[in-house]
PDB file of N, CA and C in Angstrom:
ATOM      1  N   UNK A   1     109.860  38.651   5.991  1.00  0.00           N
ATOM      2  CA  UNK A   1     108.864  38.622   4.944  1.00  0.00           C
ATOM      3  C   UNK A   1     107.690  39.543   5.272  1.00  0.00           C
ATOM      4  N   UNK A   2     107.291  39.580   6.514  1.00  0.00           N
ATOM      5  CA  UNK A   2     106.171  40.412   6.914  1.00  0.00           C
ATOM      6  C   UNK A   2     106.501  41.895   6.734  1.00  0.00           C
ATOM      7  N   UNK A   3     107.735  42.308   7.012  1.00  0.00           N
ATOM      8  CA  UNK A   3     108.131  43.703   6.847  1.00  0.00           C
ATOM      9  C   UNK A   3     107.982  44.154   5.399  1.00  0.00           C
ATOM     10  N   UNK A   4     108.327  43.301   4.470  1.00  0.00           N
ATOM     11  CA  UNK A   4     108.256  43.634   3.060  1.00  0.00           C
ATOM     12  C   UNK A   4     106.808  43.931   2.643  1.00  0.00           C
ATOM     13  N   UNK A   5     105.864  43.152   3.131  1.00  0.00           N
ATOM     14  CA  UNK A   5     104.455  43.365   2.812  1.00  0.00           C
ATOM     15  C   UNK A   5     103.980  44.703   3.352  1.00  0.00           C
ATOM     16  N   UNK A   6     104.355  45.025   4.567  1.00  0.00           N
ATOM     17  CA  UNK A   6     103.951  46.294   5.159  1.00  0.00           C
ATOM     18  C   UNK A   6     104.525  47.469   4.371  1.00  0.00           C
ATOM     19  N   UNK A   7     105.757  47.339   3.878  1.00  0.00           N
ATOM     20  CA  UNK A   7     106.363  48.398   3.080  1.00  0.00           C
ATOM     21  C   UNK A   7     105.606  48.614   1.788  1.00  0.00           C
ATOM     22  N   UNK A   8     105.265  47.533   1.092  1.00  0.00           N
ATOM     23  CA  UNK A   8     104.597  47.678  -0.192  1.00  0.00           C
ATOM     24  C   UNK A   8     103.200  48.257  -0.023  1.00  0.00           C
ATOM     25  N   UNK A   9     102.526  47.928   1.047  1.00  0.00           N
ATOM     26  CA  UNK A   9     101.203  48.479   1.291  1.00  0.00           C
ATOM     27  C   UNK A   9     101.301  49.968   1.573  1.00  0.00           C
ATOM     28  N   UNK A  10     102.258  50.385   2.367  1.00  0.00           N
ATOM     29  CA  UNK A  10     102.374  51.799   2.709  1.00  0.00           C
ATOM     30  C   UNK A  10     102.854  52.632   1.523  1.00  0.00           C
ATOM     31  N   UNK A  11     103.513  52.031   0.554  1.00  0.00           N
ATOM     32  CA  UNK A  11     103.990  52.764  -0.608  1.00  0.00           C
ATOM     33  C   UNK A  11     102.907  52.912  -1.673  1.00  0.00           C
ATOM     34  N   UNK A  12     101.799  52.206  -1.531  1.00  0.00           N
ATOM     35  CA  UNK A  12     100.714  52.273  -2.495  1.00  0.00           C
ATOM     36  C   UNK A  12      99.844  53.487  -2.206  1.00  0.00           C
ATOM     37  N   UNK A  13      99.536  54.299  -3.238  1.00  0.00           N
ATOM     38  CA  UNK A  13      98.661  55.454  -2.998  1.00  0.00           C
ATOM     39  C   UNK A  13      97.314  55.009  -2.455  1.00  0.00           C
ATOM     40  N   UNK A  14      96.791  55.750  -1.477  1.00  0.00           N
ATOM     41  CA  UNK A  14      95.547  55.350  -0.834  1.00  0.00           C
ATOM     42  C   UNK A  14      94.359  56.191  -1.266  1.00  0.00           C
ATOM     43  N   UNK A  15      94.597  57.320  -1.909  1.00  0.00           N
ATOM     44  CA  UNK A  15      93.482  58.147  -2.354  1.00  0.00           C
ATOM     45  C   UNK A  15      93.872  58.897  -3.612  1.00  0.00           C
ATOM     46  N   UNK A  16      92.886  59.564  -4.209  1.00  0.00           N
ATOM     47  CA  UNK A  16      93.161  60.315  -5.427  1.00  0.00           C
ATOM     48  C   UNK A  16      94.122  61.473  -5.176  1.00  0.00           C
ATOM     49  N   UNK A  17      94.192  61.971  -3.942  1.00  0.00           N
ATOM     50  CA  UNK A  17      95.102  63.076  -3.647  1.00  0.00           C
ATOM     51  C   UNK A  17      96.558  62.630  -3.645  1.00  0.00           C
ATOM     52  N   UNK A  18      96.808  61.316  -3.611  1.00  0.00           N
ATOM     53  CA  UNK A  18      98.168  60.800  -3.643  1.00  0.00           C
ATOM     54  C   UNK A  18      98.692  60.654  -5.071  1.00  0.00           C
ATOM     55  N   UNK A  19      97.801  60.811  -6.064  1.00  0.00           N
ATOM     56  CA  UNK A  19      98.226  60.678  -7.455  1.00  0.00           C
ATOM     57  C   UNK A  19      99.019  61.907  -7.870  1.00  0.00           C
ATOM     58  N   UNK A  20      99.930  61.734  -8.827  1.00  0.00           N
ATOM     59  CA  UNK A  20     100.630  62.906  -9.351  1.00  0.00           C
ATOM     60  C   UNK A  20      99.631  63.842 -10.036  1.00  0.00           C
ATOM     61  N   UNK A  21      99.890  65.126  -9.978  1.00  0.00           N
ATOM     62  CA  UNK A  21      99.002  66.103 -10.592  1.00  0.00           C
ATOM     63  C   UNK A  21      99.181  66.081 -12.103  1.00  0.00           C
ATOM     64  N   UNK A  22      98.059  65.993 -12.810  1.00  0.00           N
ATOM     65  CA  UNK A  22      98.077  66.032 -14.271  1.00  0.00           C
ATOM     66  C   UNK A  22      97.613  67.401 -14.732  1.00  0.00           C
ATOM     67  N   UNK A  23      98.088  67.792 -15.885  1.00  0.00           N
ATOM     68  CA  UNK A  23      97.656  69.031 -16.519  1.00  0.00           C
ATOM     69  C   UNK A  23      96.748  68.644 -17.682  1.00  0.00           C
ATOM     70  N   UNK A  24      95.594  69.306 -17.769  1.00  0.00           N
ATOM     71  CA  UNK A  24      94.623  69.007 -18.811  1.00  0.00           C
ATOM     72  C   UNK A  24      94.538  70.172 -19.785  1.00  0.00           C
ATOM     73  N   UNK A  25      94.614  69.858 -21.068  1.00  0.00           N
ATOM     74  CA  UNK A  25      94.442  70.880 -22.098  1.00  0.00           C
ATOM     75  C   UNK A  25      92.958  71.088 -22.366  1.00  0.00           C
ATOM     76  N   UNK A  26      92.621  72.149 -23.055  1.00  0.00           N
ATOM     77  CA  UNK A  26      91.231  72.554 -23.264  1.00  0.00           C
ATOM     78  C   UNK A  26      90.333  71.450 -23.835  1.00  0.00           C
ATOM     79  N   UNK A  27      90.736  70.706 -24.868  1.00  0.00           N
ATOM     80  CA  UNK A  27      89.830  69.668 -25.382  1.00  0.00           C
ATOM     81  C   UNK A  27      89.425  68.640 -24.321  1.00  0.00           C
ATOM     82  N   UNK A  28      90.358  68.245 -23.463  1.00  0.00           N
ATOM     83  CA  UNK A  28      90.027  67.283 -22.418  1.00  0.00           C
ATOM     84  C   UNK A  28      89.145  67.916 -21.341  1.00  0.00           C
ATOM     85  N   UNK A  29      89.398  69.176 -21.016  1.00  0.00           N
ATOM     86  CA  UNK A  29      88.553  69.876 -20.041  1.00  0.00           C
ATOM     87  C   UNK A  29      87.125  69.956 -20.579  1.00  0.00           C
ATOM     88  N   UNK A  30      86.967  70.340 -21.850  1.00  0.00           N
ATOM     89  CA  UNK A  30      85.635  70.424 -22.455  1.00  0.00           C
ATOM     90  C   UNK A  30      84.936  69.069 -22.418  1.00  0.00           C
ATOM     91  N   UNK A  31      85.668  68.023 -22.703  1.00  0.00           N
ATOM     92  CA  UNK A  31      85.088  66.676 -22.680  1.00  0.00           C
ATOM     93  C   UNK A  31      84.643  66.292 -21.270  1.00  0.00           C
ATOM     94  N   UNK A  32      85.471  66.575 -20.287  1.00  0.00           N
ATOM     95  CA  UNK A  32      85.150  66.197 -18.902  1.00  0.00           C
ATOM     96  C   UNK A  32      83.966  66.962 -18.328  1.00  0.00           C
ATOM     97  N   UNK A  33      83.892  68.254 -18.596  1.00  0.00           N
ATOM     98  CA  UNK A  33      82.838  69.059 -17.976  1.00  0.00           C
ATOM     99  C   UNK A  33      81.589  69.166 -18.839  1.00  0.00           C
ATOM    100  N   UNK A  34      81.702  68.844 -20.112  1.00  0.00           N
ATOM    101  CA  UNK A  34      80.539  68.853 -20.993  1.00  0.00           C
ATOM    102  C   UNK A  34      80.071  70.229 -21.410  1.00  0.00           C
ATOM    103  N   UNK A  35      80.968  71.208 -21.389  1.00  0.00           N
ATOM    104  CA  UNK A  35      80.610  72.543 -21.872  1.00  0.00           C
ATOM    105  C   UNK A  35      81.653  73.003 -22.886  1.00  0.00           C
ATOM    106  N   UNK A  36      81.248  73.930 -23.742  1.00  0.00           N
ATOM    107  CA  UNK A  36      82.098  74.396 -24.835  1.00  0.00           C
ATOM    108  C   UNK A  36      83.094  75.462 -24.366  1.00  0.00           C
ATOM    109  N   UNK A  37      84.044  75.726 -25.250  1.00  0.00           N
ATOM    110  CA  UNK A  37      85.126  76.671 -24.971  1.00  0.00           C
ATOM    111  C   UNK A  37      84.597  78.033 -24.537  1.00  0.00           C
ATOM    112  N   UNK A  38      83.651  78.581 -25.287  1.00  0.00           N
ATOM    113  CA  UNK A  38      83.154  79.929 -24.978  1.00  0.00           C
ATOM    114  C   UNK A  38      82.515  79.990 -23.591  1.00  0.00           C
ATOM    115  N   UNK A  39      81.812  78.933 -23.199  1.00  0.00           N
ATOM    116  CA  UNK A  39      81.178  78.899 -21.878  1.00  0.00           C
ATOM    117  C   UNK A  39      82.225  78.778 -20.779  1.00  0.00           C
ATOM    118  N   UNK A  40      83.259  77.991 -21.029  1.00  0.00           N
ATOM    119  CA  UNK A  40      84.347  77.859 -20.049  1.00  0.00           C
ATOM    120  C   UNK A  40      84.977  79.225 -19.797  1.00  0.00           C
ATOM    121  N   UNK A  41      85.325  79.945 -20.871  1.00  0.00           N
ATOM    122  CA  UNK A  41      85.972  81.247 -20.709  1.00  0.00           C
ATOM    123  C   UNK A  41      85.016  82.284 -20.116  1.00  0.00           C
ATOM    124  N   UNK A  42      83.727  82.201 -20.436  1.00  0.00           N
ATOM    125  CA  UNK A  42      82.746  83.108 -19.827  1.00  0.00           C
ATOM    126  C   UNK A  42      82.674  82.864 -18.326  1.00  0.00           C
ATOM    127  N   UNK A  43      82.597  81.593 -17.931  1.00  0.00           N
ATOM    128  CA  UNK A  43      82.528  81.268 -16.497  1.00  0.00           C
ATOM    129  C   UNK A  43      83.819  81.634 -15.776  1.00  0.00           C
ATOM    130  N   UNK A  44      84.961  81.507 -16.460  1.00  0.00           N
ATOM    131  CA  UNK A  44      86.226  81.938 -15.850  1.00  0.00           C
ATOM    132  C   UNK A  44      86.182  83.437 -15.563  1.00  0.00           C
ATOM    133  N   UNK A  45      85.661  84.216 -16.500  1.00  0.00           N
ATOM    134  CA  UNK A  45      85.604  85.671 -16.294  1.00  0.00           C
ATOM    135  C   UNK A  45      84.628  86.042 -15.182  1.00  0.00           C
ATOM    136  N   UNK A  46      83.624  85.196 -14.953  1.00  0.00           N
ATOM    137  CA  UNK A  46      82.670  85.410 -13.861  1.00  0.00           C
ATOM    138  C   UNK A  46      83.194  84.891 -12.521  1.00  0.00           C
ATOM    139  N   UNK A  47      84.305  84.157 -12.576  1.00  0.00           N
ATOM    140  CA  UNK A  47      84.880  83.593 -11.361  1.00  0.00           C
ATOM    141  C   UNK A  47      84.239  82.289 -10.922  1.00  0.00           C
ATOM    142  N   UNK A  48      83.476  81.656 -11.824  1.00  0.00           N
ATOM    143  CA  UNK A  48      82.791  80.416 -11.446  1.00  0.00           C
ATOM    144  C   UNK A  48      83.387  79.174 -12.103  1.00  0.00           C
ATOM    145  N   UNK A  49      84.599  79.304 -12.641  1.00  0.00           N
ATOM    146  CA  UNK A  49      85.302  78.157 -13.231  1.00  0.00           C
ATOM    147  C   UNK A  49      86.785  78.337 -12.955  1.00  0.00           C
ATOM    148  N   UNK A  50      87.503  77.237 -12.712  1.00  0.00           N
ATOM    149  CA  UNK A  50      88.942  77.354 -12.419  1.00  0.00           C
ATOM    150  C   UNK A  50      89.711  78.016 -13.563  1.00  0.00           C
ATOM    151  N   UNK A  51      90.725  78.765 -13.208  1.00  0.00           N
ATOM    152  CA  UNK A  51      91.573  79.385 -14.228  1.00  0.00           C
ATOM    153  C   UNK A  51      92.740  78.457 -14.548  1.00  0.00           C
ATOM    154  N   UNK A  52      93.193  78.494 -15.797  1.00  0.00           N
ATOM    155  CA  UNK A  52      94.302  77.621 -16.191  1.00  0.00           C
ATOM    156  C   UNK A  52      95.648  78.187 -15.759  1.00  0.00           C
ATOM    157  N   UNK A  53      96.640  77.341 -15.838  1.00  0.00           N
ATOM    158  CA  UNK A  53      98.027  77.748 -15.594  1.00  0.00           C
ATOM    159  C   UNK A  53      98.671  77.992 -16.958  1.00  0.00           C
ATOM    160  N   UNK A  54      99.491  79.017 -17.053  1.00  0.00           N
ATOM    161  CA  UNK A  54     100.174  79.317 -18.313  1.00  0.00           C
ATOM    162  C   UNK A  54     101.440  78.474 -18.411  1.00  0.00           C
ATOM    163  N   UNK A  55     101.511  77.680 -19.473  1.00  0.00           N
ATOM    164  CA  UNK A  55     102.678  76.832 -19.703  1.00  0.00           C
ATOM    165  C   UNK A  55     103.649  77.484 -20.672  1.00  0.00           C
ATOM    166  N   UNK A  56     103.177  78.457 -21.394  1.00  0.00           N
ATOM    167  CA  UNK A  56     103.985  79.169 -22.372  1.00  0.00           C
ATOM    168  C   UNK A  56     103.207  80.376 -22.853  1.00  0.00           C
ATOM    169  N   UNK A  57     103.743  81.115 -23.819  1.00  0.00           N
ATOM    170  CA  UNK A  57     103.068  82.327 -24.276  1.00  0.00           C
ATOM    171  C   UNK A  57     101.662  82.070 -24.833  1.00  0.00           C
ATOM    172  N   UNK A  58     101.473  80.945 -25.483  1.00  0.00           N
ATOM    173  CA  UNK A  58     100.165  80.634 -26.072  1.00  0.00           C
ATOM    174  C   UNK A  58      99.683  79.248 -25.672  1.00  0.00           C
ATOM    175  N   UNK A  59     100.038  78.828 -24.493  1.00  0.00           N
ATOM    176  CA  UNK A  59      99.702  77.471 -24.056  1.00  0.00           C
ATOM    177  C   UNK A  59      99.246  77.498 -22.599  1.00  0.00           C
ATOM    178  N   UNK A  60      98.019  77.014 -22.364  1.00  0.00           N
ATOM    179  CA  UNK A  60      97.500  76.937 -21.004  1.00  0.00           C
ATOM    180  C   UNK A  60      96.983  75.528 -20.748  1.00  0.00           C
ATOM    181  N   UNK A  61      96.918  75.178 -19.472  1.00  0.00           N
ATOM    182  CA  UNK A  61      96.365  73.886 -19.065  1.00  0.00           C
ATOM    183  C   UNK A  61      95.815  74.032 -17.657  1.00  0.00           C
ATOM    184  N   UNK A  62      94.829  73.210 -17.351  1.00  0.00           N
ATOM    185  CA  UNK A  62      94.187  73.230 -16.044  1.00  0.00           C
ATOM    186  C   UNK A  62      94.717  72.081 -15.208  1.00  0.00           C
ATOM    187  N   UNK A  63      94.821  72.293 -13.912  1.00  0.00           N
ATOM    188  CA  UNK A  63      95.171  71.207 -13.011  1.00  0.00           C
ATOM    189  C   UNK A  63      93.984  70.255 -12.942  1.00  0.00           C
ATOM    190  N   UNK A  64      94.252  68.977 -13.086  1.00  0.00           N
ATOM    191  CA  UNK A  64      93.189  67.978 -13.041  1.00  0.00           C
ATOM    192  C   UNK A  64      92.419  68.064 -11.729  1.00  0.00           C
ATOM    193  N   UNK A  65      93.126  68.324 -10.638  1.00  0.00           N
ATOM    194  CA  UNK A  65      92.463  68.412  -9.337  1.00  0.00           C
ATOM    195  C   UNK A  65      91.486  69.586  -9.288  1.00  0.00           C
ATOM    196  N   UNK A  66      91.838  70.711  -9.925  1.00  0.00           N
ATOM    197  CA  UNK A  66      90.926  71.861  -9.968  1.00  0.00           C
ATOM    198  C   UNK A  66      89.642  71.512 -10.717  1.00  0.00           C
ATOM    199  N   UNK A  67      89.782  70.811 -11.832  1.00  0.00           N
ATOM    200  CA  UNK A  67      88.613  70.428 -12.630  1.00  0.00           C
ATOM    201  C   UNK A  67      87.772  69.412 -11.872  1.00  0.00           C
ATOM    202  N   UNK A  68      88.414  68.431 -11.256  1.00  0.00           N
ATOM    203  CA  UNK A  68      87.673  67.426 -10.480  1.00  0.00           C
ATOM    204  C   UNK A  68      86.905  68.077  -9.329  1.00  0.00           C
ATOM    205  N   UNK A  69      87.523  69.027  -8.639  1.00  0.00           N
ATOM    206  CA  UNK A  69      86.848  69.728  -7.539  1.00  0.00           C
ATOM    207  C   UNK A  69      85.672  70.550  -8.058  1.00  0.00           C
ATOM    208  N   UNK A  70      85.830  71.176  -9.220  1.00  0.00           N
ATOM    209  CA  UNK A  70      84.741  71.954  -9.801  1.00  0.00           C
ATOM    210  C   UNK A  70      83.570  71.029 -10.150  1.00  0.00           C
ATOM    211  N   UNK A  71      83.870  69.879 -10.752  1.00  0.00           N
ATOM    212  CA  UNK A  71      82.823  68.910 -11.093  1.00  0.00           C
ATOM    213  C   UNK A  71      82.111  68.446  -9.829  1.00  0.00           C
ATOM    214  N   UNK A  72      82.873  68.142  -8.786  1.00  0.00           N
ATOM    215  CA  UNK A  72      82.265  67.714  -7.515  1.00  0.00           C
ATOM    216  C   UNK A  72      81.366  68.811  -6.949  1.00  0.00           C
ATOM    217  N   UNK A  73      81.802  70.053  -7.039  1.00  0.00           N
ATOM    218  CA  UNK A  73      81.009  71.170  -6.536  1.00  0.00           C
ATOM    219  C   UNK A  73      79.715  71.359  -7.307  1.00  0.00           C
ATOM    220  N   UNK A  74      79.777  71.191  -8.616  1.00  0.00           N
ATOM    221  CA  UNK A  74      78.575  71.305  -9.444  1.00  0.00           C
ATOM    222  C   UNK A  74      77.616  70.172  -9.107  1.00  0.00           C
ATOM    223  N   UNK A  75      78.147  68.976  -8.908  1.00  0.00           N
ATOM    224  CA  UNK A  75      77.311  67.819  -8.571  1.00  0.00           C
ATOM    225  C   UNK A  75      76.601  68.035  -7.244  1.00  0.00           C
ATOM    226  N   UNK A  76      77.302  68.580  -6.270  1.00  0.00           N
ATOM    227  CA  UNK A  76      76.717  68.806  -4.944  1.00  0.00           C
ATOM    228  C   UNK A  76      75.637  69.884  -5.024  1.00  0.00           C
ATOM    229  N   UNK A  77      75.921  70.977  -5.735  1.00  0.00           N
ATOM    230  CA  UNK A  77      74.936  72.059  -5.853  1.00  0.00           C
ATOM    231  C   UNK A  77      73.731  71.637  -6.677  1.00  0.00           C
ATOM    232  N   UNK A  78      73.929  70.718  -7.623  1.00  0.00           N
ATOM    233  CA  UNK A  78      72.845  70.309  -8.506  1.00  0.00           C
ATOM    234  C   UNK A  78      71.898  69.289  -7.916  1.00  0.00           C
ATOM    235  N   UNK A  79      72.255  68.686  -6.779  1.00  0.00           N
ATOM    236  CA  UNK A  79      71.378  67.664  -6.196  1.00  0.00           C
ATOM    237  C   UNK A  79      70.439  68.226  -5.180  1.00  0.00           C
TER     238      UNK A  79
END
């Protein structure tokens, strides 16, 4: 019985890095970061915002981890 408990604990994700990677489309990215589309693309061209991954000819999405890291970086620089 004790072995079973140890197995279930070790199989449980322990941090956010253990979560599966999600892809975020532009509306969700805008909602999370609080800036509009034009500002996101301007900052991407300046190299100060993560670039999206191309999912198709006219479809892009950002890695959730990239957006979370960018938000954390802005929070640290802003304090």
